[in-house]
PDB file of N, CA and C in Angstrom:
ATOM      1  N   MET A   1      -3.975  -4.719 -19.729  1.00  0.00           N
ATOM      2  CA  MET A   1      -3.929  -4.107 -18.416  1.00  0.00           C
ATOM      3  C   MET A   1      -3.152  -2.807 -18.528  1.00  0.00           C
ATOM      4  N   THR A   2      -3.689  -1.777 -17.942  1.00  0.00           N
ATOM      5  CA  THR A   2      -3.031  -0.480 -18.000  1.00  0.00           C
ATOM      6  C   THR A   2      -2.454  -0.132 -16.636  1.00  0.00           C
ATOM      7  N   THR A   3      -1.385   0.611 -16.642  1.00  0.00           N
ATOM      8  CA  THR A   3      -0.779   1.077 -15.399  1.00  0.00           C
ATOM      9  C   THR A   3      -0.878   2.582 -15.360  1.00  0.00           C
ATOM     10  N   GLU A   4      -1.385   3.101 -14.267  1.00  0.00           N
ATOM     11  CA  GLU A   4      -1.507   4.539 -14.076  1.00  0.00           C
ATOM     12  C   GLU A   4      -0.316   4.999 -13.247  1.00  0.00           C
ATOM     13  N   ASN A   5       0.455   5.932 -13.736  1.00  0.00           N
ATOM     14  CA  ASN A   5       1.532   6.517 -12.943  1.00  0.00           C
ATOM     15  C   ASN A   5       0.962   7.659 -12.141  1.00  0.00           C
ATOM     16  N   ILE A   6       1.100   7.570 -10.826  1.00  0.00           N
ATOM     17  CA  ILE A   6       0.566   8.611  -9.958  1.00  0.00           C
ATOM     18  C   ILE A   6       1.757   9.356  -9.387  1.00  0.00           C
ATOM     19  N   ASN A   7       2.202  10.379 -10.098  1.00  0.00           N
ATOM     20  CA  ASN A   7       3.374  11.138  -9.705  1.00  0.00           C
ATOM     21  C   ASN A   7       3.030  12.552  -9.285  1.00  0.00           C
ATOM     22  N   GLU A   8       1.798  12.919  -9.443  1.00  0.00           N
ATOM     23  CA  GLU A   8       1.380  14.263  -9.094  1.00  0.00           C
ATOM     24  C   GLU A   8       0.524  14.203  -7.840  1.00  0.00           C
ATOM     25  N   THR A   9       0.075  15.339  -7.374  1.00  0.00           N
ATOM     26  CA  THR A   9      -0.681  15.356  -6.130  1.00  0.00           C
ATOM     27  C   THR A   9      -2.130  14.935  -6.320  1.00  0.00           C
ATOM     28  N   THR A  10      -2.608  14.832  -7.552  1.00  0.00           N
ATOM     29  CA  THR A  10      -3.980  14.383  -7.763  1.00  0.00           C
ATOM     30  C   THR A  10      -4.025  13.359  -8.874  1.00  0.00           C
ATOM     31  N   PHE A  11      -5.005  12.516  -8.807  1.00  0.00           N
ATOM     32  CA  PHE A  11      -5.244  11.492  -9.810  1.00  0.00           C
ATOM     33  C   PHE A  11      -6.692  11.616 -10.217  1.00  0.00           C
ATOM     34  N   GLU A  12      -6.958  11.891 -11.466  1.00  0.00           N
ATOM     35  CA  GLU A  12      -8.319  12.085 -11.917  1.00  0.00           C
ATOM     36  C   GLU A  12      -8.647  11.097 -13.027  1.00  0.00           C
ATOM     37  N   PRO A  13      -9.173   9.909 -12.649  1.00  0.00           N
ATOM     38  CA  PRO A  13      -9.512   8.931 -13.673  1.00  0.00           C
ATOM     39  C   PRO A  13     -10.775   9.343 -14.418  1.00  0.00           C
ATOM     40  N   SER A  14     -10.917   8.875 -15.632  1.00  0.00           N
ATOM     41  CA  SER A  14     -12.137   9.158 -16.379  1.00  0.00           C
ATOM     42  C   SER A  14     -13.054   7.946 -16.261  1.00  0.00           C
ATOM     43  N   PHE A  15     -14.278   8.175 -15.857  1.00  0.00           N
ATOM     44  CA  PHE A  15     -15.267   7.118 -15.716  1.00  0.00           C
ATOM     45  C   PHE A  15     -16.466   7.465 -16.571  1.00  0.00           C
ATOM     46  N   GLU A  16     -17.098   6.424 -17.123  1.00  0.00           N
ATOM     47  CA  GLU A  16     -18.252   6.667 -17.976  1.00  0.00           C
ATOM     48  C   GLU A  16     -19.413   7.257 -17.183  1.00  0.00           C
ATOM     49  N   LYS A  17     -19.665   6.711 -15.991  1.00  0.00           N
ATOM     50  CA  LYS A  17     -20.761   7.195 -15.160  1.00  0.00           C
ATOM     51  C   LYS A  17     -20.181   7.734 -13.864  1.00  0.00           C
ATOM     52  N   ALA A  18     -20.535   8.951 -13.527  1.00  0.00           N
ATOM     53  CA  ALA A  18     -20.022   9.563 -12.303  1.00  0.00           C
ATOM     54  C   ALA A  18     -20.486   8.797 -11.069  1.00  0.00           C
ATOM     55  N   SER A  19     -21.669   8.154 -11.128  1.00  0.00           N
ATOM     56  CA  SER A  19     -22.177   7.421  -9.975  1.00  0.00           C
ATOM     57  C   SER A  19     -21.327   6.192  -9.667  1.00  0.00           C
ATOM     58  N   ASN A  20     -20.576   5.703 -10.642  1.00  0.00           N
ATOM     59  CA  ASN A  20     -19.706   4.548 -10.438  1.00  0.00           C
ATOM     60  C   ASN A  20     -18.320   4.956  -9.965  1.00  0.00           C
ATOM     61  N   ALA A  21     -18.056   6.236  -9.892  1.00  0.00           N
ATOM     62  CA  ALA A  21     -16.729   6.708  -9.508  1.00  0.00           C
ATOM     63  C   ALA A  21     -16.450   6.368  -8.043  1.00  0.00           C
ATOM     64  N   PRO A  22     -15.260   5.817  -7.765  1.00  0.00           N
ATOM     65  CA  PRO A  22     -14.929   5.489  -6.382  1.00  0.00           C
ATOM     66  C   PRO A  22     -14.627   6.744  -5.577  1.00  0.00           C
ATOM     67  N   LYS A  23     -14.751   6.613  -4.273  1.00  0.00           N
ATOM     68  CA  LYS A  23     -14.379   7.714  -3.389  1.00  0.00           C
ATOM     69  C   LYS A  23     -12.872   7.896  -3.477  1.00  0.00           C
ATOM     70  N   MET A  24     -12.423   9.138  -3.570  1.00  0.00           N
ATOM     71  CA  MET A  24     -10.999   9.426  -3.674  1.00  0.00           C
ATOM     72  C   MET A  24     -10.472   9.845  -2.307  1.00  0.00           C
ATOM     73  N   VAL A  25      -9.288   9.368  -1.952  1.00  0.00           N
ATOM     74  CA  VAL A  25      -8.667   9.689  -0.670  1.00  0.00           C
ATOM     75  C   VAL A  25      -7.212  10.075  -0.909  1.00  0.00           C
ATOM     76  N   GLN A  26      -6.687  10.888  -0.012  1.00  0.00           N
ATOM     77  CA  GLN A  26      -5.291  11.296  -0.134  1.00  0.00           C
ATOM     78  C   GLN A  26      -4.432  10.395   0.748  1.00  0.00           C
ATOM     79  N   ILE A  27      -3.306   9.939   0.187  1.00  0.00           N
ATOM     80  CA  ILE A  27      -2.371   9.110   0.932  1.00  0.00           C
ATOM     81  C   ILE A  27      -0.967   9.670   0.773  1.00  0.00           C
ATOM     82  N   TYR A  28      -0.095   9.230   1.647  1.00  0.00           N
ATOM     83  CA  TYR A  28       1.313   9.628   1.574  1.00  0.00           C
ATOM     84  C   TYR A  28       2.154   8.409   1.914  1.00  0.00           C
ATOM     85  N   LEU A  29       2.997   7.997   0.994  1.00  0.00           N
ATOM     86  CA  LEU A  29       3.922   6.892   1.230  1.00  0.00           C
ATOM     87  C   LEU A  29       5.296   7.495   1.470  1.00  0.00           C
ATOM     88  N   PRO A  30       5.834   7.318   2.676  1.00  0.00           N
ATOM     89  CA  PRO A  30       7.099   7.984   2.996  1.00  0.00           C
ATOM     90  C   PRO A  30       8.265   7.452   2.171  1.00  0.00           C
ATOM     91  N   LEU A  31       9.175   8.327   1.911  1.00  0.00           N
ATOM     92  CA  LEU A  31      10.418   8.010   1.228  1.00  0.00           C
ATOM     93  C   LEU A  31      11.464   7.816   2.315  1.00  0.00           C
ATOM     94  N   THR A  32      12.039   6.607   2.374  1.00  0.00           N
ATOM     95  CA  THR A  32      13.041   6.312   3.404  1.00  0.00           C
ATOM     96  C   THR A  32      14.329   5.845   2.740  1.00  0.00           C
ATOM     97  N   ARG A  33      15.347   5.656   3.547  1.00  0.00           N
ATOM     98  CA  ARG A  33      16.612   5.167   2.988  1.00  0.00           C
ATOM     99  C   ARG A  33      16.464   3.773   2.395  1.00  0.00           C
ATOM    100  N   SER A  34      15.662   2.945   3.036  1.00  0.00           N
ATOM    101  CA  SER A  34      15.511   1.570   2.551  1.00  0.00           C
ATOM    102  C   SER A  34      14.378   1.408   1.540  1.00  0.00           C
ATOM    103  N   GLU A  35      13.436   2.332   1.520  1.00  0.00           N
ATOM    104  CA  GLU A  35      12.303   2.235   0.597  1.00  0.00           C
ATOM    105  C   GLU A  35      12.221   3.498  -0.254  1.00  0.00           C
ATOM    106  N   THR A  36      12.752   3.401  -1.458  1.00  0.00           N
ATOM    107  CA  THR A  36      12.773   4.552  -2.354  1.00  0.00           C
ATOM    108  C   THR A  36      11.975   4.308  -3.636  1.00  0.00           C
ATOM    109  N   ASP A  37      11.658   3.048  -3.904  1.00  0.00           N
ATOM    110  CA  ASP A  37      10.959   2.717  -5.143  1.00  0.00           C
ATOM    111  C   ASP A  37       9.483   3.093  -5.076  1.00  0.00           C
ATOM    112  N   ASP A  38       8.901   3.335  -6.244  1.00  0.00           N
ATOM    113  CA  ASP A  38       7.467   3.544  -6.331  1.00  0.00           C
ATOM    114  C   ASP A  38       6.759   2.262  -5.889  1.00  0.00           C
ATOM    115  N   VAL A  39       5.504   2.396  -5.491  1.00  0.00           N
ATOM    116  CA  VAL A  39       4.719   1.249  -5.036  1.00  0.00           C
ATOM    117  C   VAL A  39       3.703   0.898  -6.116  1.00  0.00           C
ATOM    118  N   TYR A  40       3.653  -0.373  -6.472  1.00  0.00           N
ATOM    119  CA  TYR A  40       2.746  -0.868  -7.495  1.00  0.00           C
ATOM    120  C   TYR A  40       1.561  -1.542  -6.812  1.00  0.00           C
ATOM    121  N   VAL A  41       0.341  -1.166  -7.202  1.00  0.00           N
ATOM    122  CA  VAL A  41      -0.881  -1.768  -6.668  1.00  0.00           C
ATOM    123  C   VAL A  41      -1.773  -2.119  -7.845  1.00  0.00           C
ATOM    124  N   ALA A  42      -2.323  -3.332  -7.835  1.00  0.00           N
ATOM    125  CA  ALA A  42      -3.267  -3.749  -8.878  1.00  0.00           C
ATOM    126  C   ALA A  42      -4.548  -4.241  -8.216  1.00  0.00           C
ATOM    127  N   VAL A  43      -5.691  -3.761  -8.721  1.00  0.00           N
ATOM    128  CA  VAL A  43      -6.996  -4.154  -8.196  1.00  0.00           C
ATOM    129  C   VAL A  43      -7.934  -4.363  -9.372  1.00  0.00           C
ATOM    130  N   ASN A  44      -8.455  -5.567  -9.502  1.00  0.00           N
ATOM    131  CA  ASN A  44      -9.453  -5.886 -10.536  1.00  0.00           C
ATOM    132  C   ASN A  44      -9.060  -5.401 -11.930  1.00  0.00           C
ATOM    133  N   GLY A  45      -7.851  -5.678 -12.327  1.00  0.00           N
ATOM    134  CA  GLY A  45      -7.402  -5.336 -13.669  1.00  0.00           C
ATOM    135  C   GLY A  45      -6.904  -3.913 -13.852  1.00  0.00           C
ATOM    136  N   LYS A  46      -7.046  -3.072 -12.854  1.00  0.00           N
ATOM    137  CA  LYS A  46      -6.501  -1.703 -12.918  1.00  0.00           C
ATOM    138  C   LYS A  46      -5.253  -1.676 -12.066  1.00  0.00           C
ATOM    139  N   SER A  47      -4.197  -1.097 -12.582  1.00  0.00           N
ATOM    140  CA  SER A  47      -2.958  -1.037 -11.814  1.00  0.00           C
ATOM    141  C   SER A  47      -2.516   0.413 -11.642  1.00  0.00           C
ATOM    142  N   PHE A  48      -1.823   0.642 -10.541  1.00  0.00           N
ATOM    143  CA  PHE A  48      -1.390   1.981 -10.160  1.00  0.00           C
ATOM    144  C   PHE A  48       0.066   1.924  -9.719  1.00  0.00           C
ATOM    145  N   GLN A  49       0.830   2.874 -10.132  1.00  0.00           N
ATOM    146  CA  GLN A  49       2.203   3.032  -9.684  1.00  0.00           C
ATOM    147  C   GLN A  49       2.246   4.341  -8.895  1.00  0.00           C
ATOM    148  N   ILE A  50       2.491   4.221  -7.587  1.00  0.00           N
ATOM    149  CA  ILE A  50       2.376   5.363  -6.681  1.00  0.00           C
ATOM    150  C   ILE A  50       3.764   5.824  -6.269  1.00  0.00           C
ATOM    151  N   LYS A  51       4.041   7.083  -6.487  1.00  0.00           N
ATOM    152  CA  LYS A  51       5.341   7.663  -6.154  1.00  0.00           C
ATOM    153  C   LYS A  51       5.435   7.911  -4.658  1.00  0.00           C
ATOM    154  N   ARG A  52       6.575   7.585  -4.095  1.00  0.00           N
ATOM    155  CA  ARG A  52       6.832   7.842  -2.671  1.00  0.00           C
ATOM    156  C   ARG A  52       7.268   9.289  -2.472  1.00  0.00           C
ATOM    157  N   GLY A  53       6.992   9.809  -1.284  1.00  0.00           N
ATOM    158  CA  GLY A  53       7.497  11.119  -0.900  1.00  0.00           C
ATOM    159  C   GLY A  53       6.638  12.302  -1.287  1.00  0.00           C
ATOM    160  N   VAL A  54       5.501  12.056  -1.925  1.00  0.00           N
ATOM    161  CA  VAL A  54       4.583  13.143  -2.265  1.00  0.00           C
ATOM    162  C   VAL A  54       3.159  12.704  -1.933  1.00  0.00           C
ATOM    163  N   PRO A  55       2.317  13.609  -1.444  1.00  0.00           N
ATOM    164  CA  PRO A  55       0.917  13.239  -1.206  1.00  0.00           C
ATOM    165  C   PRO A  55       0.202  13.038  -2.540  1.00  0.00           C
ATOM    166  N   VAL A  56      -0.574  11.962  -2.639  1.00  0.00           N
ATOM    167  CA  VAL A  56      -1.317  11.680  -3.866  1.00  0.00           C
ATOM    168  C   VAL A  56      -2.754  11.328  -3.508  1.00  0.00           C
ATOM    169  N   THR A  57      -3.653  11.553  -4.435  1.00  0.00           N
ATOM    170  CA  THR A  57      -5.050  11.191  -4.272  1.00  0.00           C
ATOM    171  C   THR A  57      -5.317   9.966  -5.130  1.00  0.00           C
ATOM    172  N   VAL A  58      -5.852   8.920  -4.483  1.00  0.00           N
ATOM    173  CA  VAL A  58      -6.106   7.646  -5.160  1.00  0.00           C
ATOM    174  C   VAL A  58      -7.508   7.166  -4.811  1.00  0.00           C
ATOM    175  N   PRO A  59      -8.036   6.219  -5.572  1.00  0.00           N
ATOM    176  CA  PRO A  59      -9.324   5.622  -5.195  1.00  0.00           C
ATOM    177  C   PRO A  59      -9.206   4.937  -3.826  1.00  0.00           C
ATOM    178  N   ASP A  60     -10.293   4.925  -3.069  1.00  0.00           N
ATOM    179  CA  ASP A  60     -10.246   4.364  -1.722  1.00  0.00           C
ATOM    180  C   ASP A  60      -9.849   2.897  -1.699  1.00  0.00           C
ATOM    181  N   TYR A  61     -10.150   2.152  -2.762  1.00  0.00           N
ATOM    182  CA  TYR A  61      -9.784   0.743  -2.770  1.00  0.00           C
ATOM    183  C   TYR A  61      -8.268   0.545  -2.862  1.00  0.00           C
ATOM    184  N   VAL A  62      -7.544   1.503  -3.409  1.00  0.00           N
ATOM    185  CA  VAL A  62      -6.077   1.419  -3.436  1.00  0.00           C
ATOM    186  C   VAL A  62      -5.529   1.584  -2.013  1.00  0.00           C
ATOM    187  N   LYS A  63      -6.087   2.527  -1.279  1.00  0.00           N
ATOM    188  CA  LYS A  63      -5.682   2.710   0.117  1.00  0.00           C
ATOM    189  C   LYS A  63      -5.987   1.461   0.930  1.00  0.00           C
ATOM    190  N   GLU A  64      -7.129   0.843   0.664  1.00  0.00           N
ATOM    191  CA  GLU A  64      -7.507  -0.371   1.388  1.00  0.00           C
ATOM    192  C   GLU A  64      -6.488  -1.493   1.150  1.00  0.00           C
ATOM    193  N   VAL A  65      -6.032  -1.650  -0.083  1.00  0.00           N
ATOM    194  CA  VAL A  65      -5.025  -2.663  -0.393  1.00  0.00           C
ATOM    195  C   VAL A  65      -3.734  -2.372   0.375  1.00  0.00           C
ATOM    196  N   LEU A  66      -3.310  -1.121   0.398  1.00  0.00           N
ATOM    197  CA  LEU A  66      -2.092  -0.751   1.124  1.00  0.00           C
ATOM    198  C   LEU A  66      -2.260  -0.955   2.632  1.00  0.00           C
ATOM    199  N   ASP A  67      -3.443  -0.668   3.166  1.00  0.00           N
ATOM    200  CA  ASP A  67      -3.708  -0.901   4.584  1.00  0.00           C
ATOM    201  C   ASP A  67      -3.615  -2.389   4.921  1.00  0.00           C
ATOM    202  N   HIS A  68      -4.180  -3.237   4.057  1.00  0.00           N
ATOM    203  CA  HIS A  68      -4.102  -4.686   4.279  1.00  0.00           C
ATOM    204  C   HIS A  68      -2.659  -5.174   4.206  1.00  0.00           C
ATOM    205  N   GLN A  69      -1.890  -4.622   3.297  1.00  0.00           N
ATOM    206  CA  GLN A  69      -0.474  -4.991   3.184  1.00  0.00           C
ATOM    207  C   GLN A  69       0.267  -4.676   4.484  1.00  0.00           C
ATOM    208  N   ASN A  70       0.034  -3.492   5.028  1.00  0.00           N
ATOM    209  CA  ASN A  70       0.678  -3.101   6.284  1.00  0.00           C
ATOM    210  C   ASN A  70       0.235  -3.985   7.445  1.00  0.00           C
ATOM    211  N   GLU A  71      -1.045  -4.331   7.484  1.00  0.00           N
ATOM    212  CA  GLU A  71      -1.566  -5.191   8.547  1.00  0.00           C
ATOM    213  C   GLU A  71      -0.927  -6.580   8.481  1.00  0.00           C
ATOM    214  N   MET A  72      -0.802  -7.141   7.281  1.00  0.00           N
ATOM    215  CA  MET A  72      -0.203  -8.461   7.125  1.00  0.00           C
ATOM    216  C   MET A  72       1.283  -8.442   7.487  1.00  0.00           C
ATOM    217  N   LEU A  73       1.976  -7.372   7.145  1.00  0.00           N
ATOM    218  CA  LEU A  73       3.387  -7.237   7.520  1.00  0.00           C
ATOM    219  C   LEU A  73       3.529  -7.179   9.032  1.00  0.00           C
ATOM    220  N   PHE A  74       2.661  -6.400   9.694  1.00  0.00           N
ATOM    221  CA  PHE A  74       2.679  -6.308  11.152  1.00  0.00           C
ATOM    222  C   PHE A  74       2.450  -7.687  11.774  1.00  0.00           C
ATOM    223  N   ASN A  75       1.448  -8.427  11.265  1.00  0.00           N
ATOM    224  CA  ASN A  75       1.157  -9.760  11.791  1.00  0.00           C
ATOM    225  C   ASN A  75       2.321 -10.722  11.581  1.00  0.00           C
ATOM    226  N   ALA A  76       2.960 -10.656  10.430  1.00  0.00           N
ATOM    227  CA  ALA A  76       4.102 -11.524  10.157  1.00  0.00           C
ATOM    228  C   ALA A  76       5.262 -11.217  11.102  1.00  0.00           C
ATOM    229  N   LEU A  77       5.533  -9.936  11.332  1.00  0.00           N
ATOM    230  CA  LEU A  77       6.614  -9.560  12.237  1.00  0.00           C
ATOM    231  C   LEU A  77       6.302  -9.983  13.674  1.00  0.00           C
ATOM    232  N   ALA A  78       5.043  -9.844  14.098  1.00  0.00           N
ATOM    233  CA  ALA A  78       4.643 -10.267  15.437  1.00  0.00           C
ATOM    234  C   ALA A  78       4.780 -11.772  15.589  1.00  0.00           C
ATOM    235  N   TYR A  79       4.415 -12.523  14.558  1.00  0.00           N
ATOM    236  CA  TYR A  79       4.554 -13.983  14.587  1.00  0.00           C
ATOM    237  C   TYR A  79       6.026 -14.381  14.681  1.00  0.00           C
ATOM    238  N   GLU A  80       6.862 -13.747  13.870  1.00  0.00           N
ATOM    239  CA  GLU A  80       8.306 -14.040  13.909  1.00  0.00           C
ATOM    240  C   GLU A  80       8.891 -13.726  15.276  1.00  0.00           C
ATOM    241  N   ARG A  81       8.478 -12.617  15.843  1.00  0.00           N
ATOM    242  CA  ARG A  81       8.968 -12.220  17.167  1.00  0.00           C
ATOM    243  C   ARG A  81       8.561 -13.266  18.205  1.00  0.00           C
ATOM    244  N   GLY A  82       7.310 -13.712  18.161  1.00  0.00           N
ATOM    245  CA  GLY A  82       6.822 -14.734  19.088  1.00  0.00           C
ATOM    246  C   GLY A  82       7.540 -16.050  18.914  1.00  0.00           C
ATOM    247  N   ALA A  83       7.786 -16.446  17.678  1.00  0.00           N
ATOM    248  CA  ALA A  83       8.511 -17.689  17.411  1.00  0.00           C
ATOM    249  C   ALA A  83       9.937 -17.590  17.919  1.00  0.00           C
ATOM    250  N   GLN A  84      10.573 -16.458  17.745  1.00  0.00           N
ATOM    251  CA  GLN A  84      11.946 -16.279  18.213  1.00  0.00           C
ATOM    252  C   GLN A  84      11.999 -16.328  19.736  1.00  0.00           C
ATOM    253  N   GLU A  85      10.994 -15.750  20.395  1.00  0.00           N
ATOM    254  CA  GLU A  85      10.958 -15.777  21.858  1.00  0.00           C
ATOM    255  C   GLU A  85      10.831 -17.206  22.364  1.00  0.00           C
ATOM    256  N   LYS A  86      10.047 -18.048  21.684  1.00  0.00           N
ATOM    257  CA  LYS A  86       9.915 -19.456  22.077  1.00  0.00           C
ATOM    258  C   LYS A  86      11.245 -20.183  21.919  1.00  0.00           C
ATOM    259  N   ILE A  87      11.978 -19.882  20.842  1.00  0.00           N
ATOM    260  CA  ILE A  87      13.285 -20.504  20.613  1.00  0.00           C
ATOM    261  C   ILE A  87      14.255 -20.064  21.714  1.00  0.00           C
ATOM    262  N   ASP A  88      14.236 -18.780  22.019  1.00  0.00           N
ATOM    263  CA  ASP A  88      15.124 -18.245  23.062  1.00  0.00           C
ATOM    264  C   ASP A  88      14.809 -18.885  24.414  1.00  0.00           C
ATOM    265  N   ASP A  89      13.516 -19.069  24.738  1.00  0.00           N
ATOM    266  CA  ASP A  89      13.111 -19.679  26.003  1.00  0.00           C
ATOM    267  C   ASP A  89      13.611 -21.122  26.107  1.00  0.00           C
ATOM    268  N   LYS A  90      13.534 -21.879  24.988  1.00  0.00           N
ATOM    269  CA  LYS A  90      14.000 -23.259  24.988  1.00  0.00           C
ATOM    270  C   LYS A  90      15.507 -23.333  25.182  1.00  0.00           C
ATOM    271  N   GLU A  91      16.230 -22.394  24.605  1.00  0.00           N
ATOM    272  CA  GLU A  91      17.688 -22.380  24.733  1.00  0.00           C
ATOM    273  C   GLU A  91      18.119 -22.055  26.158  1.00  0.00           C
ATOM    274  N   LEU A  92      17.333 -21.270  26.874  1.00  0.00           N
ATOM    275  CA  LEU A  92      17.665 -20.909  28.255  1.00  0.00           C
ATOM    276  C   LEU A  92      17.420 -22.070  29.217  1.00  0.00           C
ATOM    277  N   ASN A  93      16.512 -22.974  28.871  1.00  0.00           N
ATOM    278  CA  ASN A  93      16.185 -24.097  29.776  1.00  0.00           C
ATOM    279  C   ASN A  93      17.107 -25.239  29.619  1.00  0.00           C
TER     280      ASN A  93
END
């Protein structure tokens, strides 16, 4: 398994057939006080290490994985919030 370091503004993978090349999209992962580490993404045996704080171009399937990660985090936080509200309601009664 290989890991691609994506530290520059573009990522240009080499593919045997251009017709098999994935659509490339630009993403930006913000650099915050709590999140400073690079982000690791693996899809079907290909892995990517994405640097925070700079715009990078990645295959669209990498963006899709990151979008799903954000959606699942949002759902987990909403579930926790709802569960906490139920606990708070029981304590008030």
